[in-house]
Amino acid sequence: MSKSETAGNSRKQAEFMKIINSMALAALAITLSSCASQPLPPQAFHNTDNNALVIASLDDNTCQMIQPKISSGEKNDLVLAKAMALPQHQAAVVILENYTEPQIGQQFRDRGTALFVGLRNLGYQHIVFLQGNGGDNPEGLITLAEYN
């Protein structure tokens, strides 16, 4: 394959990813707004999948992988690239550290949307967002949102 063919394929893949990301963002916006009516009482999270990917989102741009391999705080894209290399892509848990909203709102959308879209694009079907408490164990944390 020539360099020009490779470059053309890369551009096509980038365009395809933009379309997929746009569709996923639209679906997320619809899902979030449809769930915005009456808030449910907080639910404690109980991990039933020992193979689940666990990520701690430290802020809008930085996160770290907690499980299966611990990483240091890195840009979200780097952690998602590491997640892509994992053998299983079924369940993902995202712990939102330093999360201050009493209900899901703009802060959740700012931090969660990119991670949700990235994880969905990697094939993760079950994604749970939790409110962090400074620890690295998701067990018992408050569930903010769950997508199947």
N, C-alpha and C. Protein backbone atom coordinates (compact mmCIF):
# COMPACT_ATOMS: atom_id res chain seq x y z
N MET A 1 0.85 -1.17 0.00
CA MET A 1 0.00 0.00 0.00
C MET A 1 0.90 1.23 0.00
N SER A 2 0.61 2.20 -0.85
CA SER A 2 1.45 3.40 -0.95
C SER A 2 1.15 4.36 0.19
N LYS A 3 2.04 5.33 0.34
CA LYS A 3 1.86 6.33 1.40
C LYS A 3 0.60 7.15 1.18
N SER A 4 0.28 7.45 -0.06
CA SER A 4 -0.91 8.25 -0.34
C SER A 4 -2.18 7.45 -0.03
N GLU A 5 -2.16 6.15 -0.30
CA GLU A 5 -3.31 5.31 0.05
C GLU A 5 -3.48 5.23 1.55
N THR A 6 -2.36 5.09 2.28
CA THR A 6 -2.40 5.03 3.74
C THR A 6 -2.93 6.34 4.31
N ALA A 7 -2.47 7.46 3.79
CA ALA A 7 -2.94 8.77 4.25
C ALA A 7 -4.43 8.93 3.95
N GLY A 8 -4.86 8.49 2.77
CA GLY A 8 -6.29 8.57 2.42
C GLY A 8 -7.14 7.73 3.35
N ASN A 9 -6.67 6.52 3.69
CA ASN A 9 -7.40 5.67 4.61
C ASN A 9 -7.46 6.30 6.00
N SER A 10 -6.37 6.92 6.43
CA SER A 10 -6.34 7.58 7.74
C SER A 10 -7.35 8.72 7.79
N ARG A 11 -7.44 9.49 6.71
CA ARG A 11 -8.41 10.59 6.67
C ARG A 11 -9.83 10.05 6.70
N LYS A 12 -10.08 8.98 5.98
CA LYS A 12 -11.42 8.38 5.97
C LYS A 12 -11.78 7.85 7.35
N GLN A 13 -10.82 7.23 8.03
CA GLN A 13 -11.08 6.73 9.37
C GLN A 13 -11.35 7.88 10.32
N ALA A 14 -10.62 8.98 10.21
CA ALA A 14 -10.83 10.14 11.07
C ALA A 14 -12.21 10.74 10.83
N GLU A 15 -12.63 10.83 9.56
CA GLU A 15 -13.95 11.35 9.24
C GLU A 15 -15.04 10.43 9.79
N PHE A 16 -14.83 9.13 9.66
CA PHE A 16 -15.80 8.16 10.18
C PHE A 16 -15.92 8.30 11.69
N MET A 17 -14.78 8.45 12.39
CA MET A 17 -14.81 8.60 13.84
C MET A 17 -15.53 9.88 14.25
N LYS A 18 -15.37 10.96 13.48
CA LYS A 18 -16.08 12.21 13.77
C LYS A 18 -17.59 12.00 13.66
N ILE A 19 -18.02 11.27 12.65
CA ILE A 19 -19.45 11.00 12.46
C ILE A 19 -19.97 10.15 13.62
N ILE A 20 -19.24 9.10 13.97
CA ILE A 20 -19.65 8.22 15.07
C ILE A 20 -19.72 9.01 16.37
N ASN A 21 -18.70 9.83 16.63
CA ASN A 21 -18.68 10.63 17.86
C ASN A 21 -19.86 11.60 17.90
N SER A 22 -20.18 12.22 16.78
CA SER A 22 -21.31 13.14 16.73
C SER A 22 -22.62 12.43 17.03
N MET A 23 -22.79 11.25 16.45
CA MET A 23 -24.02 10.48 16.69
C MET A 23 -24.09 10.05 18.16
N ALA A 24 -22.96 9.63 18.73
CA ALA A 24 -22.95 9.21 20.12
C ALA A 24 -23.24 10.39 21.04
N LEU A 25 -22.70 11.55 20.73
CA LEU A 25 -22.98 12.75 21.53
C LEU A 25 -24.46 13.11 21.49
N ALA A 26 -25.06 13.01 20.31
CA ALA A 26 -26.49 13.30 20.19
C ALA A 26 -27.30 12.30 21.01
N ALA A 27 -26.93 11.04 20.94
CA ALA A 27 -27.65 10.02 21.71
C ALA A 27 -27.49 10.26 23.20
N LEU A 28 -26.29 10.65 23.62
CA LEU A 28 -26.05 10.93 25.03
C LEU A 28 -26.88 12.11 25.50
N ALA A 29 -26.94 13.16 24.69
CA ALA A 29 -27.72 14.35 25.05
C ALA A 29 -29.20 13.99 25.22
N ILE A 30 -29.72 13.18 24.31
CA ILE A 30 -31.12 12.76 24.39
C ILE A 30 -31.34 11.91 25.64
N THR A 31 -30.41 10.99 25.89
CA THR A 31 -30.54 10.12 27.06
C THR A 31 -30.48 10.94 28.35
N LEU A 32 -29.53 11.86 28.44
CA LEU A 32 -29.39 12.65 29.65
C LEU A 32 -30.60 13.55 29.87
N SER A 33 -31.13 14.16 28.81
CA SER A 33 -32.28 15.03 29.00
C SER A 33 -33.55 14.24 29.29
N SER A 34 -33.64 13.01 28.80
CA SER A 34 -34.82 12.21 29.10
C SER A 34 -34.80 11.70 30.54
N CYS A 35 -33.61 11.65 31.14
CA CYS A 35 -33.47 11.19 32.52
C CYS A 35 -33.49 12.35 33.50
N ALA A 36 -33.70 13.56 33.02
CA ALA A 36 -33.56 14.73 33.87
C ALA A 36 -34.80 15.06 34.68
N SER A 37 -35.85 14.28 34.60
CA SER A 37 -37.06 14.60 35.34
C SER A 37 -36.84 14.37 36.83
N GLN A 38 -37.54 13.49 37.43
CA GLN A 38 -37.47 13.25 38.87
C GLN A 38 -36.21 12.48 39.22
N PRO A 39 -35.32 13.05 40.07
CA PRO A 39 -34.12 12.32 40.44
C PRO A 39 -34.44 11.11 41.32
N LEU A 40 -33.74 10.02 41.06
CA LEU A 40 -33.91 8.83 41.86
C LEU A 40 -33.06 8.94 43.12
N PRO A 41 -33.42 8.23 44.18
CA PRO A 41 -32.57 8.27 45.36
C PRO A 41 -31.20 7.68 45.03
N PRO A 42 -30.14 8.16 45.68
CA PRO A 42 -28.80 7.65 45.38
C PRO A 42 -28.71 6.14 45.58
N GLN A 43 -28.04 5.48 44.66
CA GLN A 43 -27.85 4.04 44.72
C GLN A 43 -26.36 3.74 44.92
N ALA A 44 -26.07 2.86 45.85
CA ALA A 44 -24.68 2.44 46.07
C ALA A 44 -24.30 1.44 44.99
N PHE A 45 -23.10 1.57 44.48
CA PHE A 45 -22.61 0.70 43.41
C PHE A 45 -22.05 -0.58 44.00
N HIS A 46 -22.37 -1.69 43.37
CA HIS A 46 -21.81 -3.00 43.75
C HIS A 46 -21.25 -3.63 42.48
N ASN A 47 -19.94 -3.81 42.47
CA ASN A 47 -19.25 -4.35 41.30
C ASN A 47 -19.48 -5.86 41.20
N THR A 48 -20.08 -6.29 40.11
CA THR A 48 -20.33 -7.71 39.88
C THR A 48 -19.44 -8.28 38.78
N ASP A 49 -18.59 -7.43 38.19
CA ASP A 49 -17.71 -7.86 37.10
C ASP A 49 -16.27 -7.57 37.48
N ASN A 50 -15.54 -8.62 37.86
CA ASN A 50 -14.14 -8.44 38.25
C ASN A 50 -13.24 -8.07 37.09
N ASN A 51 -13.73 -8.21 35.85
CA ASN A 51 -12.96 -7.84 34.67
C ASN A 51 -13.27 -6.43 34.18
N ALA A 52 -14.11 -5.70 34.91
CA ALA A 52 -14.51 -4.36 34.48
C ALA A 52 -13.31 -3.42 34.49
N LEU A 53 -13.29 -2.54 33.50
CA LEU A 53 -12.32 -1.47 33.46
C LEU A 53 -12.77 -0.43 34.48
N VAL A 54 -11.86 0.03 35.34
CA VAL A 54 -12.19 1.07 36.31
C VAL A 54 -11.24 2.24 36.06
N ILE A 55 -11.84 3.40 35.83
CA ILE A 55 -11.09 4.63 35.56
C ILE A 55 -11.51 5.68 36.57
N ALA A 56 -10.55 6.42 37.12
CA ALA A 56 -10.85 7.56 37.97
C ALA A 56 -10.64 8.82 37.14
N SER A 57 -11.71 9.59 36.93
CA SER A 57 -11.63 10.86 36.22
C SER A 57 -11.28 11.92 37.25
N LEU A 58 -10.10 12.50 37.11
CA LEU A 58 -9.61 13.45 38.10
C LEU A 58 -10.10 14.86 37.83
N ASP A 59 -10.28 15.21 36.56
CA ASP A 59 -10.83 16.50 36.14
C ASP A 59 -11.31 16.35 34.70
N ASP A 60 -11.57 17.46 34.03
CA ASP A 60 -12.10 17.40 32.66
C ASP A 60 -11.17 16.71 31.67
N ASN A 61 -9.87 16.76 31.90
CA ASN A 61 -8.90 16.27 30.91
C ASN A 61 -8.01 15.14 31.38
N THR A 62 -8.05 14.82 32.66
CA THR A 62 -7.09 13.88 33.23
C THR A 62 -7.82 12.74 33.94
N CYS A 63 -7.32 11.54 33.72
CA CYS A 63 -7.85 10.40 34.45
C CYS A 63 -6.74 9.38 34.66
N GLN A 64 -7.06 8.35 35.41
CA GLN A 64 -6.09 7.28 35.61
C GLN A 64 -6.83 5.96 35.64
N MET A 65 -6.17 4.93 35.11
CA MET A 65 -6.74 3.60 35.13
C MET A 65 -6.48 2.99 36.51
N ILE A 66 -7.52 2.46 37.11
CA ILE A 66 -7.42 1.82 38.42
C ILE A 66 -7.34 0.30 38.26
N GLN A 67 -8.16 -0.22 37.34
CA GLN A 67 -8.23 -1.66 37.13
C GLN A 67 -8.38 -1.92 35.64
N PRO A 68 -7.75 -2.84 35.03
CA PRO A 68 -6.95 -3.92 35.58
C PRO A 68 -5.51 -3.53 35.88
N LYS A 69 -5.02 -2.45 35.30
CA LYS A 69 -3.65 -2.02 35.54
C LYS A 69 -3.68 -0.60 36.07
N ILE A 70 -2.95 -0.33 37.12
CA ILE A 70 -2.93 1.02 37.68
C ILE A 70 -1.98 1.88 36.86
N SER A 71 -2.45 3.09 36.53
CA SER A 71 -1.61 4.05 35.82
C SER A 71 -1.59 5.34 36.63
N SER A 72 -0.71 6.23 36.27
CA SER A 72 -0.69 7.55 36.90
C SER A 72 -1.70 8.44 36.17
N GLY A 73 -1.92 9.63 36.70
CA GLY A 73 -2.82 10.56 36.05
C GLY A 73 -2.28 10.96 34.68
N GLU A 74 -3.12 10.75 33.64
CA GLU A 74 -2.71 11.02 32.26
C GLU A 74 -3.88 11.67 31.53
N LYS A 75 -3.61 12.20 30.37
CA LYS A 75 -4.67 12.74 29.52
C LYS A 75 -5.69 11.64 29.24
N ASN A 76 -6.94 12.01 29.15
CA ASN A 76 -8.01 11.04 28.90
C ASN A 76 -7.73 10.17 27.69
N ASP A 77 -7.23 10.77 26.60
CA ASP A 77 -6.98 10.01 25.37
C ASP A 77 -5.96 8.90 25.58
N LEU A 78 -4.94 9.16 26.40
CA LEU A 78 -3.92 8.14 26.64
C LEU A 78 -4.50 6.97 27.43
N VAL A 79 -5.35 7.27 28.40
CA VAL A 79 -5.97 6.19 29.18
C VAL A 79 -6.93 5.38 28.29
N LEU A 80 -7.68 6.06 27.43
CA LEU A 80 -8.57 5.35 26.51
C LEU A 80 -7.77 4.48 25.53
N ALA A 81 -6.60 4.95 25.12
CA ALA A 81 -5.75 4.14 24.24
C ALA A 81 -5.29 2.88 24.96
N LYS A 82 -4.97 2.99 26.24
CA LYS A 82 -4.60 1.81 27.02
C LYS A 82 -5.80 0.88 27.18
N ALA A 83 -6.98 1.44 27.35
CA ALA A 83 -8.19 0.63 27.48
C ALA A 83 -8.47 -0.14 26.20
N MET A 84 -8.14 0.47 25.06
CA MET A 84 -8.36 -0.19 23.77
C MET A 84 -7.51 -1.46 23.66
N ALA A 85 -6.35 -1.45 24.28
CA ALA A 85 -5.44 -2.60 24.20
C ALA A 85 -5.84 -3.74 25.13
N LEU A 86 -6.82 -3.52 26.00
CA LEU A 86 -7.23 -4.57 26.93
C LEU A 86 -8.00 -5.66 26.19
N PRO A 87 -7.94 -6.90 26.69
CA PRO A 87 -8.60 -8.00 25.99
C PRO A 87 -10.12 -7.97 26.08
N GLN A 88 -10.69 -7.40 27.14
CA GLN A 88 -12.14 -7.41 27.29
C GLN A 88 -12.68 -5.99 27.24
N HIS A 89 -13.80 -5.81 26.54
CA HIS A 89 -14.43 -4.49 26.42
C HIS A 89 -15.92 -4.62 26.71
N GLN A 90 -16.26 -5.04 27.92
CA GLN A 90 -17.67 -5.23 28.23
C GLN A 90 -18.19 -4.19 29.19
N ALA A 91 -17.56 -4.05 30.35
CA ALA A 91 -18.04 -3.14 31.38
C ALA A 91 -16.95 -2.15 31.76
N ALA A 92 -17.37 -0.90 31.96
CA ALA A 92 -16.44 0.14 32.39
C ALA A 92 -17.09 0.93 33.52
N VAL A 93 -16.29 1.26 34.52
CA VAL A 93 -16.72 2.06 35.66
C VAL A 93 -15.87 3.32 35.65
N VAL A 94 -16.52 4.48 35.68
CA VAL A 94 -15.82 5.76 35.71
C VAL A 94 -16.14 6.43 37.04
N ILE A 95 -15.11 6.65 37.84
CA ILE A 95 -15.27 7.34 39.13
C ILE A 95 -14.95 8.80 38.89
N LEU A 96 -15.94 9.67 39.10
CA LEU A 96 -15.73 11.10 38.92
C LEU A 96 -15.26 11.69 40.25
N GLU A 97 -13.95 11.87 40.36
CA GLU A 97 -13.38 12.50 41.55
C GLU A 97 -13.61 14.01 41.48
N ASN A 98 -13.65 14.65 42.63
CA ASN A 98 -13.83 16.11 42.72
C ASN A 98 -15.12 16.55 42.02
N TYR A 99 -16.14 15.72 42.07
CA TYR A 99 -17.43 16.01 41.45
C TYR A 99 -18.32 16.66 42.51
N THR A 100 -18.90 17.81 42.21
CA THR A 100 -19.59 18.59 43.23
C THR A 100 -21.07 18.82 42.99
N GLU A 101 -21.61 18.39 41.86
CA GLU A 101 -23.02 18.66 41.57
C GLU A 101 -23.94 17.80 42.43
N PRO A 102 -25.01 18.38 42.98
CA PRO A 102 -25.97 17.56 43.73
C PRO A 102 -26.82 16.67 42.82
N GLN A 103 -26.98 17.09 41.55
CA GLN A 103 -27.69 16.30 40.54
C GLN A 103 -26.88 16.37 39.26
N ILE A 104 -27.19 15.47 38.33
CA ILE A 104 -26.49 15.48 37.05
C ILE A 104 -26.79 16.78 36.33
N GLY A 105 -25.73 17.45 35.89
CA GLY A 105 -25.88 18.72 35.20
C GLY A 105 -24.70 18.97 34.28
N GLN A 106 -24.33 20.23 34.15
CA GLN A 106 -23.28 20.64 33.21
C GLN A 106 -21.93 20.01 33.54
N GLN A 107 -21.59 19.95 34.81
CA GLN A 107 -20.30 19.36 35.20
C GLN A 107 -20.23 17.89 34.75
N PHE A 108 -21.33 17.16 34.93
CA PHE A 108 -21.37 15.76 34.49
C PHE A 108 -21.21 15.68 32.98
N ARG A 109 -21.93 16.53 32.25
CA ARG A 109 -21.83 16.51 30.79
C ARG A 109 -20.42 16.88 30.33
N ASP A 110 -19.80 17.88 30.97
CA ASP A 110 -18.45 18.29 30.58
C ASP A 110 -17.44 17.17 30.80
N ARG A 111 -17.55 16.45 31.90
CA ARG A 111 -16.57 15.42 32.22
C ARG A 111 -16.94 14.06 31.66
N GLY A 112 -18.20 13.75 31.64
CA GLY A 112 -18.62 12.40 31.27
C GLY A 112 -18.79 12.14 29.80
N THR A 113 -19.13 13.16 29.03
CA THR A 113 -19.45 12.95 27.62
C THR A 113 -18.27 12.36 26.85
N ALA A 114 -17.10 12.97 26.96
CA ALA A 114 -15.94 12.48 26.20
C ALA A 114 -15.58 11.05 26.61
N LEU A 115 -15.64 10.76 27.90
CA LEU A 115 -15.32 9.40 28.35
C LEU A 115 -16.38 8.41 27.89
N PHE A 116 -17.66 8.80 27.98
CA PHE A 116 -18.73 7.93 27.51
C PHE A 116 -18.56 7.60 26.03
N VAL A 117 -18.36 8.63 25.21
CA VAL A 117 -18.21 8.43 23.76
C VAL A 117 -16.98 7.57 23.47
N GLY A 118 -15.88 7.88 24.13
CA GLY A 118 -14.65 7.11 23.91
C GLY A 118 -14.82 5.65 24.28
N LEU A 119 -15.44 5.39 25.42
CA LEU A 119 -15.64 4.00 25.86
C LEU A 119 -16.62 3.26 24.96
N ARG A 120 -17.69 3.94 24.53
CA ARG A 120 -18.64 3.31 23.60
C ARG A 120 -17.95 2.96 22.29
N ASN A 121 -17.11 3.88 21.80
CA ASN A 121 -16.39 3.62 20.55
C ASN A 121 -15.43 2.46 20.68
N LEU A 122 -14.95 2.19 21.89
CA LEU A 122 -14.07 1.05 22.11
C LEU A 122 -14.85 -0.25 22.27
N GLY A 123 -16.18 -0.16 22.34
CA GLY A 123 -17.00 -1.36 22.43
C GLY A 123 -17.54 -1.66 23.82
N TYR A 124 -17.32 -0.80 24.79
CA TYR A 124 -17.85 -1.04 26.14
C TYR A 124 -19.36 -0.84 26.11
N GLN A 125 -20.08 -1.87 26.52
CA GLN A 125 -21.54 -1.84 26.47
C GLN A 125 -22.18 -1.37 27.77
N HIS A 126 -21.57 -1.66 28.88
CA HIS A 126 -22.11 -1.28 30.19
C HIS A 126 -21.15 -0.27 30.80
N ILE A 127 -21.62 0.97 30.97
CA ILE A 127 -20.78 2.04 31.50
C ILE A 127 -21.50 2.66 32.70
N VAL A 128 -20.78 2.74 33.82
CA VAL A 128 -21.35 3.29 35.05
C VAL A 128 -20.49 4.46 35.49
N PHE A 129 -21.14 5.56 35.84
CA PHE A 129 -20.45 6.74 36.38
C PHE A 129 -20.77 6.83 37.87
N LEU A 130 -19.72 6.98 38.68
CA LEU A 130 -19.86 7.04 40.13
C LEU A 130 -19.29 8.34 40.67
N GLN A 131 -19.81 8.77 41.81
CA GLN A 131 -19.25 9.94 42.48
C GLN A 131 -18.12 9.47 43.39
N GLY A 132 -16.92 9.99 43.14
CA GLY A 132 -15.75 9.57 43.88
C GLY A 132 -15.68 10.12 45.29
N ASN A 133 -14.82 9.48 46.08
CA ASN A 133 -14.60 9.95 47.46
C ASN A 133 -13.10 9.97 47.79
N GLY A 134 -12.26 9.96 46.77
CA GLY A 134 -10.83 10.02 46.99
C GLY A 134 -10.15 8.67 47.06
N GLY A 135 -10.91 7.59 47.04
CA GLY A 135 -10.34 6.24 47.08
C GLY A 135 -10.30 5.63 45.69
N ASP A 136 -9.76 4.40 45.62
CA ASP A 136 -9.69 3.75 44.32
C ASP A 136 -10.59 2.52 44.23
N ASN A 137 -11.46 2.33 45.21
CA ASN A 137 -12.37 1.20 45.19
C ASN A 137 -13.78 1.70 44.88
N PRO A 138 -14.39 1.24 43.78
CA PRO A 138 -15.72 1.73 43.42
C PRO A 138 -16.85 1.16 44.29
N GLU A 139 -16.57 0.12 45.03
CA GLU A 139 -17.60 -0.55 45.82
C GLU A 139 -18.25 0.42 46.82
N GLY A 140 -19.57 0.54 46.73
CA GLY A 140 -20.34 1.36 47.66
C GLY A 140 -20.44 2.83 47.29
N LEU A 141 -19.76 3.27 46.22
CA LEU A 141 -19.87 4.67 45.81
C LEU A 141 -21.26 4.95 45.23
N ILE A 142 -21.64 6.20 45.25
CA ILE A 142 -22.95 6.59 44.74
C ILE A 142 -22.94 6.56 43.20
N THR A 143 -23.95 5.88 42.63
CA THR A 143 -24.10 5.79 41.18
C THR A 143 -24.75 7.07 40.67
N LEU A 144 -24.06 7.73 39.76
CA LEU A 144 -24.60 8.94 39.12
C LEU A 144 -25.40 8.61 37.88
N ALA A 145 -24.89 7.71 37.04
CA ALA A 145 -25.56 7.30 35.81
C ALA A 145 -25.07 5.93 35.41
N GLU A 146 -25.97 5.18 34.77
CA GLU A 146 -25.62 3.83 34.31
C GLU A 146 -26.22 3.63 32.94
N TYR A 147 -25.38 3.17 32.01
CA TYR A 147 -25.81 2.98 30.61
C TYR A 147 -25.53 1.54 30.21
N ASN A 148 -26.56 0.88 29.69
CA ASN A 148 -26.43 -0.50 29.22
C ASN A 148 -26.52 -0.55 27.72
